[in-house]
Amino acid sequence: MVELTQILIALGVILISMTLHEMAHGWVAYALGDMTPKAQGRLTPNPLKHIDPVMSLALPLLLAISGGPIFGGAKPVQINTLKLKGGEYGFALVAIAGPLTNLVLAYLSFVLWYVINPSGDIINQIFAAFVQINLGFFIFNLIPIPPLDGSRVLYALAPEFIKRFMAKIEQMGMFLVLILVILFQPVLSSFMYTAMRFFIDLFSKLVV
C-alpha cells in the first residue's frame, strides 16, 4: 500500500519536473526565434501554466498509487514552425530539450543522493522520486508516437512516407497515447522498468 507521504512526494516531484520539462521546450524555441512560448507565458516556473490535469496529475498519481513506473506529459508548448530557425531540425531540438532536461535532473539527483548519502527515510524517498520520475518522463516522452516528443525528433529524420503517416495519426493526439497506456500497460511498464534500470546502472558506473 502506497503511503500518503509517498504520494505527496510524487506530486511535488511531478510538478517540478514537468514544469522544467515544458520550460525547456519554451526556452529553446525562444532561442531559435519563436516568440510564441513567451507570448503565451510558457517560459515561467509557474506550474499552473504547464500542467495538464490528466497527463501531468491524474495519470502519474494513479501510477504512483498502483506502484508502477511513473510517467506522463504536460500541456504542449505551442510552436510556430514558420518562425523557428532550422526548420524541422529546429523543431526536433525544441522537442528533445524537454526529455533531456528530465534526464539531467535524474542524473543530478542521483549524484547528490550518492554524495550526501542521507540517513532520513523522507530525504531518501525524495531523491528516489526525483531519479525515478524524471527517468520515467524522459523515457516515456521519447516514445516516437505523436504527440510525444520522440515523434518530433523522428519526424526530422524520417523519410517522407513516415512523415505523412505521422501527420495523419497526429490528429488523434493524446487520445492515441492514452489508448497505448490503457491497452498495453503491462508491456509498457515492463519496457519502462527495463529502460530505467539501464540508466540507473549507467548512473552508478559514472558516479562510482
N, C-alpha and C. Protein backbone atom coordinates (compact mmCIF):
# COMPACT_ATOMS: atom_id res chain seq x y z
N MET A 1 0.85 -1.21 0.00
CA MET A 1 0.00 0.00 0.00
C MET A 1 0.88 1.25 0.00
N VAL A 2 0.65 2.14 -0.94
CA VAL A 2 1.44 3.35 -1.04
C VAL A 2 0.98 4.33 0.04
N GLU A 3 1.92 4.89 0.80
CA GLU A 3 1.59 5.82 1.87
C GLU A 3 1.29 7.20 1.31
N LEU A 4 0.56 7.98 2.11
CA LEU A 4 0.22 9.35 1.71
C LEU A 4 1.47 10.18 1.50
N THR A 5 2.50 9.96 2.33
CA THR A 5 3.75 10.71 2.20
C THR A 5 4.37 10.49 0.83
N GLN A 6 4.37 9.25 0.37
CA GLN A 6 4.94 8.93 -0.94
C GLN A 6 4.17 9.61 -2.06
N ILE A 7 2.84 9.66 -1.93
CA ILE A 7 2.01 10.29 -2.95
C ILE A 7 2.28 11.79 -3.00
N LEU A 8 2.41 12.42 -1.82
CA LEU A 8 2.68 13.86 -1.77
C LEU A 8 4.06 14.18 -2.34
N ILE A 9 5.04 13.31 -2.04
CA ILE A 9 6.38 13.50 -2.61
C ILE A 9 6.33 13.37 -4.13
N ALA A 10 5.62 12.34 -4.61
CA ALA A 10 5.49 12.13 -6.05
C ALA A 10 4.83 13.33 -6.72
N LEU A 11 3.79 13.88 -6.09
CA LEU A 11 3.10 15.04 -6.64
C LEU A 11 4.04 16.24 -6.76
N GLY A 12 4.80 16.49 -5.70
CA GLY A 12 5.74 17.61 -5.74
C GLY A 12 6.80 17.44 -6.81
N VAL A 13 7.34 16.24 -6.91
CA VAL A 13 8.39 15.98 -7.92
C VAL A 13 7.81 16.07 -9.33
N ILE A 14 6.60 15.58 -9.52
CA ILE A 14 5.94 15.66 -10.83
C ILE A 14 5.76 17.11 -11.26
N LEU A 15 5.29 17.95 -10.35
CA LEU A 15 5.06 19.36 -10.69
C LEU A 15 6.37 20.06 -11.06
N ILE A 16 7.41 19.82 -10.28
CA ILE A 16 8.71 20.44 -10.57
C ILE A 16 9.27 19.93 -11.89
N SER A 17 9.24 18.62 -12.07
CA SER A 17 9.85 18.01 -13.25
C SER A 17 9.13 18.38 -14.53
N MET A 18 7.80 18.36 -14.50
CA MET A 18 7.03 18.71 -15.69
C MET A 18 7.17 20.19 -16.02
N THR A 19 7.24 21.03 -15.00
CA THR A 19 7.40 22.46 -15.25
C THR A 19 8.73 22.74 -15.94
N LEU A 20 9.80 22.16 -15.44
CA LEU A 20 11.12 22.36 -16.04
C LEU A 20 11.18 21.76 -17.44
N HIS A 21 10.52 20.64 -17.63
CA HIS A 21 10.44 19.99 -18.95
C HIS A 21 9.82 20.95 -19.97
N GLU A 22 8.68 21.53 -19.62
CA GLU A 22 7.99 22.42 -20.55
C GLU A 22 8.73 23.75 -20.72
N MET A 23 9.33 24.26 -19.65
CA MET A 23 10.13 25.48 -19.77
C MET A 23 11.29 25.28 -20.74
N ALA A 24 11.88 24.08 -20.71
CA ALA A 24 13.00 23.80 -21.62
C ALA A 24 12.53 23.87 -23.08
N HIS A 25 11.35 23.29 -23.37
CA HIS A 25 10.79 23.42 -24.72
C HIS A 25 10.66 24.89 -25.10
N GLY A 26 10.05 25.66 -24.19
CA GLY A 26 9.78 27.06 -24.47
C GLY A 26 11.03 27.88 -24.68
N TRP A 27 12.04 27.68 -23.82
CA TRP A 27 13.26 28.47 -23.90
C TRP A 27 14.05 28.15 -25.17
N VAL A 28 14.09 26.89 -25.58
CA VAL A 28 14.81 26.54 -26.81
C VAL A 28 14.10 27.14 -28.02
N ALA A 29 12.76 27.06 -28.03
CA ALA A 29 12.01 27.67 -29.13
C ALA A 29 12.26 29.18 -29.16
N TYR A 30 12.26 29.80 -28.01
CA TYR A 30 12.51 31.24 -27.91
C TYR A 30 13.91 31.58 -28.43
N ALA A 31 14.90 30.75 -28.06
CA ALA A 31 16.28 30.97 -28.50
C ALA A 31 16.41 30.80 -30.01
N LEU A 32 15.52 29.99 -30.61
CA LEU A 32 15.56 29.76 -32.05
C LEU A 32 14.66 30.72 -32.83
N GLY A 33 14.16 31.74 -32.13
CA GLY A 33 13.45 32.81 -32.83
C GLY A 33 11.95 32.82 -32.74
N ASP A 34 11.33 31.83 -32.08
CA ASP A 34 9.87 31.80 -31.98
C ASP A 34 9.43 32.46 -30.67
N MET A 35 8.68 33.55 -30.77
CA MET A 35 8.22 34.29 -29.60
C MET A 35 6.94 33.71 -29.00
N THR A 36 6.36 32.70 -29.64
CA THR A 36 5.07 32.16 -29.19
C THR A 36 5.09 31.68 -27.74
N PRO A 37 6.08 30.88 -27.32
CA PRO A 37 6.07 30.43 -25.93
C PRO A 37 6.13 31.58 -24.93
N LYS A 38 6.90 32.62 -25.24
CA LYS A 38 6.96 33.78 -24.34
C LYS A 38 5.64 34.50 -24.30
N ALA A 39 5.01 34.70 -25.45
CA ALA A 39 3.73 35.40 -25.52
C ALA A 39 2.64 34.65 -24.76
N GLN A 40 2.75 33.32 -24.71
CA GLN A 40 1.74 32.52 -24.02
C GLN A 40 2.12 32.21 -22.57
N GLY A 41 3.19 32.83 -22.09
CA GLY A 41 3.58 32.65 -20.70
C GLY A 41 4.15 31.29 -20.37
N ARG A 42 4.79 30.63 -21.35
CA ARG A 42 5.30 29.27 -21.12
C ARG A 42 6.77 29.25 -20.72
N LEU A 43 7.37 30.42 -20.47
CA LEU A 43 8.76 30.46 -20.01
C LEU A 43 8.83 30.62 -18.50
N THR A 44 7.71 30.56 -17.84
CA THR A 44 7.62 30.79 -16.40
C THR A 44 7.77 29.50 -15.60
N PRO A 45 8.28 29.58 -14.36
CA PRO A 45 8.34 28.40 -13.49
C PRO A 45 7.02 28.12 -12.78
N ASN A 46 5.98 28.86 -13.11
CA ASN A 46 4.66 28.62 -12.51
C ASN A 46 4.06 27.34 -13.09
N PRO A 47 3.89 26.28 -12.29
CA PRO A 47 3.40 25.01 -12.83
C PRO A 47 1.99 25.09 -13.40
N LEU A 48 1.19 26.05 -12.94
CA LEU A 48 -0.18 26.16 -13.43
C LEU A 48 -0.23 26.49 -14.91
N LYS A 49 0.85 27.06 -15.45
CA LYS A 49 0.92 27.39 -16.87
C LYS A 49 1.23 26.17 -17.74
N HIS A 50 1.67 25.10 -17.11
CA HIS A 50 2.20 23.97 -17.88
C HIS A 50 1.44 22.67 -17.70
N ILE A 51 0.83 22.46 -16.55
CA ILE A 51 0.30 21.13 -16.25
C ILE A 51 -0.98 20.83 -17.02
N ASP A 52 -1.15 19.57 -17.36
CA ASP A 52 -2.37 19.06 -17.94
C ASP A 52 -3.03 18.18 -16.87
N PRO A 53 -4.30 18.41 -16.55
CA PRO A 53 -4.93 17.68 -15.44
C PRO A 53 -4.83 16.16 -15.54
N VAL A 54 -4.91 15.64 -16.76
CA VAL A 54 -4.88 14.18 -16.95
C VAL A 54 -3.45 13.67 -17.01
N MET A 55 -2.66 14.20 -17.96
CA MET A 55 -1.33 13.65 -18.21
C MET A 55 -0.31 14.06 -17.15
N SER A 56 -0.48 15.23 -16.52
CA SER A 56 0.51 15.70 -15.55
C SER A 56 0.17 15.30 -14.12
N LEU A 57 -1.11 15.07 -13.85
CA LEU A 57 -1.52 14.79 -12.47
C LEU A 57 -2.20 13.43 -12.33
N ALA A 58 -3.34 13.25 -13.01
CA ALA A 58 -4.13 12.03 -12.81
C ALA A 58 -3.35 10.76 -13.17
N LEU A 59 -2.78 10.73 -14.38
CA LEU A 59 -2.06 9.53 -14.82
C LEU A 59 -0.85 9.22 -13.94
N PRO A 60 0.08 10.18 -13.70
CA PRO A 60 1.24 9.86 -12.85
C PRO A 60 0.85 9.47 -11.42
N LEU A 61 -0.17 10.12 -10.85
CA LEU A 61 -0.57 9.79 -9.49
C LEU A 61 -1.21 8.41 -9.42
N LEU A 62 -2.00 8.05 -10.43
CA LEU A 62 -2.57 6.70 -10.47
C LEU A 62 -1.46 5.65 -10.57
N LEU A 63 -0.45 5.94 -11.38
CA LEU A 63 0.68 5.01 -11.49
C LEU A 63 1.45 4.93 -10.18
N ALA A 64 1.58 6.08 -9.48
CA ALA A 64 2.27 6.08 -8.19
C ALA A 64 1.51 5.25 -7.17
N ILE A 65 0.20 5.39 -7.15
CA ILE A 65 -0.63 4.64 -6.20
C ILE A 65 -0.58 3.15 -6.50
N SER A 66 -0.56 2.80 -7.81
CA SER A 66 -0.54 1.39 -8.19
C SER A 66 0.83 0.76 -8.04
N GLY A 67 1.85 1.60 -7.81
CA GLY A 67 3.21 1.08 -7.65
C GLY A 67 3.95 0.85 -8.95
N GLY A 68 3.40 1.32 -10.06
CA GLY A 68 4.05 1.14 -11.36
C GLY A 68 5.05 2.23 -11.63
N PRO A 69 5.77 2.14 -12.74
CA PRO A 69 6.70 3.22 -13.12
C PRO A 69 5.90 4.47 -13.43
N ILE A 70 6.39 5.63 -12.97
CA ILE A 70 5.64 6.86 -13.12
C ILE A 70 6.08 7.60 -14.38
N PHE A 71 5.12 7.95 -15.22
CA PHE A 71 5.40 8.73 -16.41
C PHE A 71 4.18 9.57 -16.74
N GLY A 72 4.33 10.49 -17.66
CA GLY A 72 3.21 11.36 -18.01
C GLY A 72 3.65 12.44 -18.98
N GLY A 73 2.82 13.45 -19.11
CA GLY A 73 3.10 14.55 -20.02
C GLY A 73 2.55 15.84 -19.46
N ALA A 74 2.54 16.87 -20.28
CA ALA A 74 2.05 18.17 -19.85
C ALA A 74 1.36 18.85 -21.01
N LYS A 75 0.84 20.05 -20.76
CA LYS A 75 0.22 20.82 -21.82
C LYS A 75 1.30 21.19 -22.85
N PRO A 76 1.14 20.77 -24.10
CA PRO A 76 2.19 21.03 -25.09
C PRO A 76 2.47 22.51 -25.28
N VAL A 77 3.74 22.85 -25.41
CA VAL A 77 4.13 24.22 -25.74
C VAL A 77 3.85 24.44 -27.23
N GLN A 78 3.07 25.45 -27.55
CA GLN A 78 2.76 25.74 -28.94
C GLN A 78 3.94 26.41 -29.63
N ILE A 79 4.28 25.91 -30.80
CA ILE A 79 5.42 26.40 -31.56
C ILE A 79 4.96 26.85 -32.94
N ASN A 80 5.45 27.99 -33.38
CA ASN A 80 5.22 28.45 -34.75
C ASN A 80 6.45 28.07 -35.57
N THR A 81 6.33 26.98 -36.31
CA THR A 81 7.49 26.45 -37.05
C THR A 81 7.96 27.42 -38.14
N LEU A 82 7.08 28.31 -38.59
CA LEU A 82 7.47 29.27 -39.63
C LEU A 82 8.46 30.30 -39.09
N LYS A 83 8.44 30.50 -37.77
CA LYS A 83 9.35 31.48 -37.17
C LYS A 83 10.55 30.81 -36.51
N LEU A 84 10.59 29.49 -36.55
CA LEU A 84 11.63 28.74 -35.86
C LEU A 84 12.83 28.53 -36.78
N LYS A 85 14.00 28.92 -36.33
CA LYS A 85 15.21 28.70 -37.11
C LYS A 85 15.51 27.21 -37.20
N GLY A 86 15.97 26.78 -38.36
CA GLY A 86 16.37 25.38 -38.50
C GLY A 86 15.29 24.46 -39.02
N GLY A 87 14.07 24.98 -39.23
CA GLY A 87 13.00 24.15 -39.79
C GLY A 87 12.70 22.94 -38.94
N GLU A 88 12.64 21.77 -39.58
CA GLU A 88 12.32 20.53 -38.88
C GLU A 88 13.37 20.20 -37.82
N TYR A 89 14.63 20.53 -38.11
CA TYR A 89 15.70 20.22 -37.15
C TYR A 89 15.62 21.14 -35.94
N GLY A 90 15.19 22.38 -36.16
CA GLY A 90 14.96 23.27 -35.04
C GLY A 90 13.83 22.77 -34.17
N PHE A 91 12.77 22.26 -34.82
CA PHE A 91 11.64 21.70 -34.09
C PHE A 91 12.08 20.47 -33.29
N ALA A 92 12.97 19.67 -33.88
CA ALA A 92 13.49 18.49 -33.17
C ALA A 92 14.29 18.91 -31.93
N LEU A 93 15.06 19.99 -32.04
CA LEU A 93 15.82 20.49 -30.89
C LEU A 93 14.89 20.96 -29.78
N VAL A 94 13.80 21.62 -30.16
CA VAL A 94 12.81 22.05 -29.18
C VAL A 94 12.21 20.82 -28.48
N ALA A 95 11.91 19.80 -29.27
CA ALA A 95 11.28 18.60 -28.72
C ALA A 95 12.20 17.86 -27.76
N ILE A 96 13.47 17.68 -28.15
CA ILE A 96 14.39 16.89 -27.33
C ILE A 96 14.79 17.61 -26.06
N ALA A 97 14.62 18.94 -26.02
CA ALA A 97 15.03 19.72 -24.85
C ALA A 97 14.29 19.30 -23.59
N GLY A 98 13.00 18.98 -23.73
CA GLY A 98 12.21 18.59 -22.56
C GLY A 98 12.69 17.28 -21.94
N PRO A 99 12.71 16.19 -22.71
CA PRO A 99 13.20 14.92 -22.15
C PRO A 99 14.64 14.99 -21.64
N LEU A 100 15.51 15.71 -22.35
CA LEU A 100 16.90 15.82 -21.89
C LEU A 100 16.99 16.54 -20.55
N THR A 101 16.09 17.51 -20.33
CA THR A 101 16.03 18.17 -19.03
C THR A 101 15.71 17.18 -17.94
N ASN A 102 14.76 16.27 -18.21
CA ASN A 102 14.42 15.24 -17.22
C ASN A 102 15.58 14.29 -16.98
N LEU A 103 16.32 13.96 -18.04
CA LEU A 103 17.48 13.08 -17.89
C LEU A 103 18.54 13.74 -17.02
N VAL A 104 18.79 15.02 -17.24
CA VAL A 104 19.77 15.76 -16.44
C VAL A 104 19.32 15.84 -14.98
N LEU A 105 18.04 16.10 -14.76
CA LEU A 105 17.51 16.16 -13.40
C LEU A 105 17.67 14.81 -12.69
N ALA A 106 17.41 13.74 -13.42
CA ALA A 106 17.57 12.40 -12.84
C ALA A 106 19.02 12.14 -12.46
N TYR A 107 19.93 12.48 -13.35
CA TYR A 107 21.35 12.23 -13.08
C TYR A 107 21.87 13.09 -11.93
N LEU A 108 21.54 14.39 -11.92
CA LEU A 108 21.98 15.27 -10.84
C LEU A 108 21.41 14.82 -9.50
N SER A 109 20.16 14.38 -9.51
CA SER A 109 19.55 13.88 -8.28
C SER A 109 20.27 12.63 -7.78
N PHE A 110 20.64 11.76 -8.73
CA PHE A 110 21.36 10.53 -8.37
C PHE A 110 22.73 10.87 -7.76
N VAL A 111 23.42 11.82 -8.38
CA VAL A 111 24.75 12.22 -7.89
C VAL A 111 24.64 12.83 -6.50
N LEU A 112 23.70 13.75 -6.30
CA LEU A 112 23.52 14.37 -4.98
C LEU A 112 23.15 13.33 -3.94
N TRP A 113 22.29 12.41 -4.32
CA TRP A 113 21.88 11.33 -3.42
C TRP A 113 23.09 10.52 -2.98
N TYR A 114 23.96 10.22 -3.93
CA TYR A 114 25.17 9.44 -3.64
C TYR A 114 26.13 10.23 -2.76
N VAL A 115 26.33 11.51 -3.07
CA VAL A 115 27.29 12.33 -2.33
C VAL A 115 26.81 12.62 -0.91
N ILE A 116 25.54 13.01 -0.79
CA ILE A 116 25.01 13.35 0.54
C ILE A 116 24.79 12.12 1.39
N ASN A 117 24.33 11.03 0.77
CA ASN A 117 24.06 9.77 1.47
C ASN A 117 23.22 10.01 2.73
N PRO A 118 22.00 10.54 2.56
CA PRO A 118 21.19 10.91 3.72
C PRO A 118 20.73 9.68 4.51
N SER A 119 20.46 9.91 5.79
CA SER A 119 20.02 8.82 6.65
C SER A 119 18.50 8.80 6.84
N GLY A 120 17.84 9.96 6.65
CA GLY A 120 16.40 10.03 6.86
C GLY A 120 15.61 9.38 5.76
N ASP A 121 14.52 8.69 6.13
CA ASP A 121 13.69 8.00 5.14
C ASP A 121 13.05 8.96 4.16
N ILE A 122 12.55 10.10 4.66
CA ILE A 122 11.86 11.06 3.79
C ILE A 122 12.82 11.61 2.74
N ILE A 123 14.03 11.97 3.16
CA ILE A 123 15.01 12.51 2.21
C ILE A 123 15.36 11.48 1.15
N ASN A 124 15.53 10.25 1.57
CA ASN A 124 15.82 9.18 0.60
C ASN A 124 14.66 8.99 -0.37
N GLN A 125 13.43 9.08 0.14
CA GLN A 125 12.26 8.95 -0.74
C GLN A 125 12.21 10.08 -1.76
N ILE A 126 12.57 11.29 -1.34
CA ILE A 126 12.55 12.44 -2.25
C ILE A 126 13.58 12.24 -3.37
N PHE A 127 14.81 11.84 -2.99
CA PHE A 127 15.84 11.61 -4.01
C PHE A 127 15.43 10.49 -4.96
N ALA A 128 14.91 9.41 -4.39
CA ALA A 128 14.48 8.29 -5.22
C ALA A 128 13.39 8.71 -6.19
N ALA A 129 12.46 9.53 -5.71
CA ALA A 129 11.37 10.01 -6.57
C ALA A 129 11.91 10.87 -7.70
N PHE A 130 12.86 11.76 -7.39
CA PHE A 130 13.43 12.62 -8.44
C PHE A 130 14.11 11.78 -9.51
N VAL A 131 14.83 10.74 -9.11
CA VAL A 131 15.52 9.88 -10.08
C VAL A 131 14.50 9.11 -10.91
N GLN A 132 13.59 8.41 -10.24
CA GLN A 132 12.67 7.52 -10.94
C GLN A 132 11.66 8.26 -11.80
N ILE A 133 11.08 9.33 -11.26
CA ILE A 133 10.06 10.06 -12.01
C ILE A 133 10.65 10.76 -13.22
N ASN A 134 11.82 11.38 -13.05
CA ASN A 134 12.43 12.05 -14.19
C ASN A 134 12.89 11.07 -15.25
N LEU A 135 13.37 9.91 -14.85
CA LEU A 135 13.70 8.88 -15.84
C LEU A 135 12.43 8.41 -16.55
N GLY A 136 11.35 8.28 -15.79
CA GLY A 136 10.08 7.88 -16.39
C GLY A 136 9.61 8.88 -17.43
N PHE A 137 9.69 10.17 -17.10
CA PHE A 137 9.29 11.21 -18.05
C PHE A 137 10.20 11.22 -19.27
N PHE A 138 11.50 11.06 -19.04
CA PHE A 138 12.48 11.04 -20.14
C PHE A 138 12.18 9.91 -21.11
N ILE A 139 12.03 8.71 -20.60
CA ILE A 139 11.84 7.54 -21.45
C ILE A 139 10.48 7.58 -22.15
N PHE A 140 9.43 7.87 -21.39
CA PHE A 140 8.08 7.87 -21.96
C PHE A 140 7.94 8.90 -23.07
N ASN A 141 8.46 10.10 -22.84
CA ASN A 141 8.28 11.17 -23.82
C ASN A 141 9.13 10.97 -25.08
N LEU A 142 10.09 10.06 -25.03
CA LEU A 142 10.88 9.77 -26.23
C LEU A 142 10.28 8.66 -27.08
N ILE A 143 9.16 8.08 -26.64
CA ILE A 143 8.47 7.11 -27.49
C ILE A 143 7.99 7.84 -28.75
N PRO A 144 8.33 7.34 -29.93
CA PRO A 144 8.06 8.10 -31.17
C PRO A 144 6.62 8.00 -31.67
N ILE A 145 5.67 8.32 -30.80
CA ILE A 145 4.26 8.33 -31.16
C ILE A 145 3.73 9.75 -30.97
N PRO A 146 3.16 10.37 -32.02
CA PRO A 146 2.61 11.71 -31.85
C PRO A 146 1.53 11.72 -30.76
N PRO A 147 1.49 12.75 -29.92
CA PRO A 147 2.27 13.98 -29.99
C PRO A 147 3.46 13.99 -29.02
N LEU A 148 3.96 12.82 -28.62
CA LEU A 148 5.08 12.77 -27.69
C LEU A 148 6.34 13.33 -28.36
N ASP A 149 7.28 13.77 -27.53
CA ASP A 149 8.47 14.46 -28.04
C ASP A 149 9.29 13.60 -29.00
N GLY A 150 9.33 12.31 -28.75
CA GLY A 150 10.10 11.42 -29.62
C GLY A 150 9.63 11.46 -31.05
N SER A 151 8.33 11.71 -31.25
CA SER A 151 7.80 11.78 -32.62
C SER A 151 8.33 13.00 -33.36
N ARG A 152 8.58 14.09 -32.62
CA ARG A 152 9.10 15.31 -33.25
C ARG A 152 10.53 15.09 -33.73
N VAL A 153 11.29 14.35 -32.93
CA VAL A 153 12.67 14.05 -33.31
C VAL A 153 12.68 13.12 -34.53
N LEU A 154 11.84 12.08 -34.48
CA LEU A 154 11.75 11.14 -35.58
C LEU A 154 11.31 11.84 -36.86
N TYR A 155 10.39 12.78 -36.73
CA TYR A 155 9.85 13.49 -37.90
C TYR A 155 10.96 14.21 -38.68
N ALA A 156 11.92 14.76 -37.95
CA ALA A 156 13.01 15.49 -38.60
C ALA A 156 13.95 14.55 -39.36
N LEU A 157 13.96 13.28 -38.98
CA LEU A 157 14.91 12.34 -39.56
C LEU A 157 14.27 11.32 -40.50
N ALA A 158 12.95 11.19 -40.42
CA ALA A 158 12.26 10.11 -41.13
C ALA A 158 12.07 10.42 -42.61
N PRO A 159 11.94 9.38 -43.45
CA PRO A 159 11.61 9.60 -44.87
C PRO A 159 10.19 10.15 -45.00
N GLU A 160 9.86 10.62 -46.19
CA GLU A 160 8.60 11.35 -46.40
C GLU A 160 7.36 10.51 -46.09
N PHE A 161 7.35 9.22 -46.45
CA PHE A 161 6.15 8.42 -46.22
C PHE A 161 5.88 8.22 -44.73
N ILE A 162 6.93 8.18 -43.91
CA ILE A 162 6.75 8.12 -42.46
C ILE A 162 6.19 9.43 -41.94
N LYS A 163 6.66 10.53 -42.49
CA LYS A 163 6.15 11.85 -42.08
C LYS A 163 4.66 11.98 -42.39
N ARG A 164 4.25 11.47 -43.56
CA ARG A 164 2.83 11.55 -43.93
C ARG A 164 1.98 10.72 -42.98
N PHE A 165 2.48 9.53 -42.64
CA PHE A 165 1.74 8.67 -41.71
C PHE A 165 1.63 9.32 -40.33
N MET A 166 2.72 9.90 -39.85
CA MET A 166 2.72 10.54 -38.54
C MET A 166 1.80 11.75 -38.52
N ALA A 167 1.74 12.48 -39.65
CA ALA A 167 0.85 13.64 -39.73
C ALA A 167 -0.61 13.21 -39.61
N LYS A 168 -0.94 12.04 -40.14
CA LYS A 168 -2.31 11.55 -40.06
C LYS A 168 -2.69 11.13 -38.64
N ILE A 169 -1.81 10.39 -37.98
CA ILE A 169 -2.15 9.93 -36.63
C ILE A 169 -1.99 11.04 -35.60
N GLU A 170 -1.31 12.13 -35.99
CA GLU A 170 -1.18 13.29 -35.10
C GLU A 170 -2.56 13.83 -34.72
N GLN A 171 -3.53 13.69 -35.63
CA GLN A 171 -4.87 14.22 -35.39
C GLN A 171 -5.54 13.54 -34.20
N MET A 172 -5.12 12.32 -33.88
CA MET A 172 -5.69 11.61 -32.74
C MET A 172 -5.12 12.13 -31.42
N GLY A 173 -3.96 12.81 -31.52
CA GLY A 173 -3.38 13.47 -30.35
C GLY A 173 -3.18 12.58 -29.16
N MET A 174 -3.44 13.14 -27.97
CA MET A 174 -3.20 12.44 -26.72
C MET A 174 -4.12 11.24 -26.53
N PHE A 175 -5.23 11.20 -27.28
CA PHE A 175 -6.14 10.05 -27.21
C PHE A 175 -5.40 8.77 -27.58
N LEU A 176 -4.54 8.84 -28.59
CA LEU A 176 -3.76 7.69 -29.02
C LEU A 176 -2.81 7.24 -27.91
N VAL A 177 -2.21 8.20 -27.23
CA VAL A 177 -1.29 7.88 -26.13
C VAL A 177 -2.03 7.21 -24.98
N LEU A 178 -3.21 7.71 -24.65
CA LEU A 178 -4.00 7.12 -23.57
C LEU A 178 -4.41 5.68 -23.90
N ILE A 179 -4.74 5.43 -25.17
CA ILE A 179 -5.06 4.07 -25.59
C ILE A 179 -3.85 3.16 -25.42
N LEU A 180 -2.68 3.68 -25.79
CA LEU A 180 -1.43 2.91 -25.62
C LEU A 180 -1.24 2.56 -24.15
N VAL A 181 -1.43 3.53 -23.27
CA VAL A 181 -1.23 3.30 -21.84
C VAL A 181 -2.23 2.29 -21.30
N ILE A 182 -3.49 2.39 -21.71
CA ILE A 182 -4.55 1.53 -21.17
C ILE A 182 -4.45 0.11 -21.70
N LEU A 183 -4.30 -0.03 -23.02
CA LEU A 183 -4.33 -1.36 -23.63
C LEU A 183 -3.03 -2.13 -23.49
N PHE A 184 -1.91 -1.41 -23.44
CA PHE A 184 -0.62 -2.08 -23.41
C PHE A 184 0.16 -1.76 -22.13
N GLN A 185 -0.58 -1.52 -21.05
CA GLN A 185 0.06 -1.11 -19.80
C GLN A 185 1.10 -2.11 -19.29
N PRO A 186 0.83 -3.44 -19.31
CA PRO A 186 1.86 -4.38 -18.83
C PRO A 186 3.14 -4.34 -19.68
N VAL A 187 2.98 -4.28 -21.00
CA VAL A 187 4.14 -4.23 -21.89
C VAL A 187 4.89 -2.91 -21.71
N LEU A 188 4.13 -1.82 -21.60
CA LEU A 188 4.73 -0.50 -21.43
C LEU A 188 5.48 -0.43 -20.10
N SER A 189 4.89 -0.97 -19.03
CA SER A 189 5.53 -0.95 -17.72
C SER A 189 6.82 -1.76 -17.73
N SER A 190 6.78 -2.92 -18.40
CA SER A 190 7.98 -3.75 -18.49
C SER A 190 9.09 -3.02 -19.25
N PHE A 191 8.72 -2.36 -20.35
CA PHE A 191 9.69 -1.59 -21.12
C PHE A 191 10.27 -0.45 -20.28
N MET A 192 9.40 0.25 -19.55
CA MET A 192 9.84 1.38 -18.74
C MET A 192 10.80 0.92 -17.64
N TYR A 193 10.45 -0.16 -16.96
CA TYR A 193 11.31 -0.68 -15.89
C TYR A 193 12.68 -1.08 -16.44
N THR A 194 12.68 -1.75 -17.58
CA THR A 194 13.95 -2.19 -18.17
C THR A 194 14.82 -0.99 -18.55
N ALA A 195 14.21 0.01 -19.18
CA ALA A 195 14.96 1.20 -19.57
C ALA A 195 15.45 1.97 -18.35
N MET A 196 14.62 2.08 -17.31
CA MET A 196 15.02 2.80 -16.10
C MET A 196 16.18 2.10 -15.41
N ARG A 197 16.15 0.77 -15.37
CA ARG A 197 17.26 0.01 -14.76
C ARG A 197 18.55 0.26 -15.53
N PHE A 198 18.44 0.33 -16.86
CA PHE A 198 19.63 0.60 -17.68
C PHE A 198 20.27 1.93 -17.30
N PHE A 199 19.46 2.98 -17.19
CA PHE A 199 20.00 4.30 -16.88
C PHE A 199 20.51 4.38 -15.44
N ILE A 200 19.84 3.72 -14.52
CA ILE A 200 20.33 3.73 -13.13
C ILE A 200 21.66 3.00 -13.04
N ASP A 201 21.81 1.90 -13.76
CA ASP A 201 23.09 1.20 -13.80
C ASP A 201 24.17 2.10 -14.42
N LEU A 202 23.79 2.82 -15.47
CA LEU A 202 24.74 3.75 -16.12
C LEU A 202 25.14 4.86 -15.17
N PHE A 203 24.18 5.43 -14.43
CA PHE A 203 24.49 6.46 -13.45
C PHE A 203 25.45 5.93 -12.40
N SER A 204 25.21 4.70 -11.95
CA SER A 204 26.07 4.11 -10.93
C SER A 204 27.51 4.00 -11.42
N LYS A 205 27.69 3.59 -12.68
CA LYS A 205 29.04 3.45 -13.23
C LYS A 205 29.72 4.80 -13.38
N LEU A 206 28.92 5.84 -13.69
CA LEU A 206 29.50 7.17 -13.87
C LEU A 206 29.88 7.83 -12.53
N VAL A 207 29.16 7.47 -11.49
CA VAL A 207 29.36 8.11 -10.18
C VAL A 207 30.42 7.39 -9.37
N VAL A 208 30.39 6.07 -9.37
CA VAL A 208 31.31 5.29 -8.50
C VAL A 208 32.72 5.33 -9.09
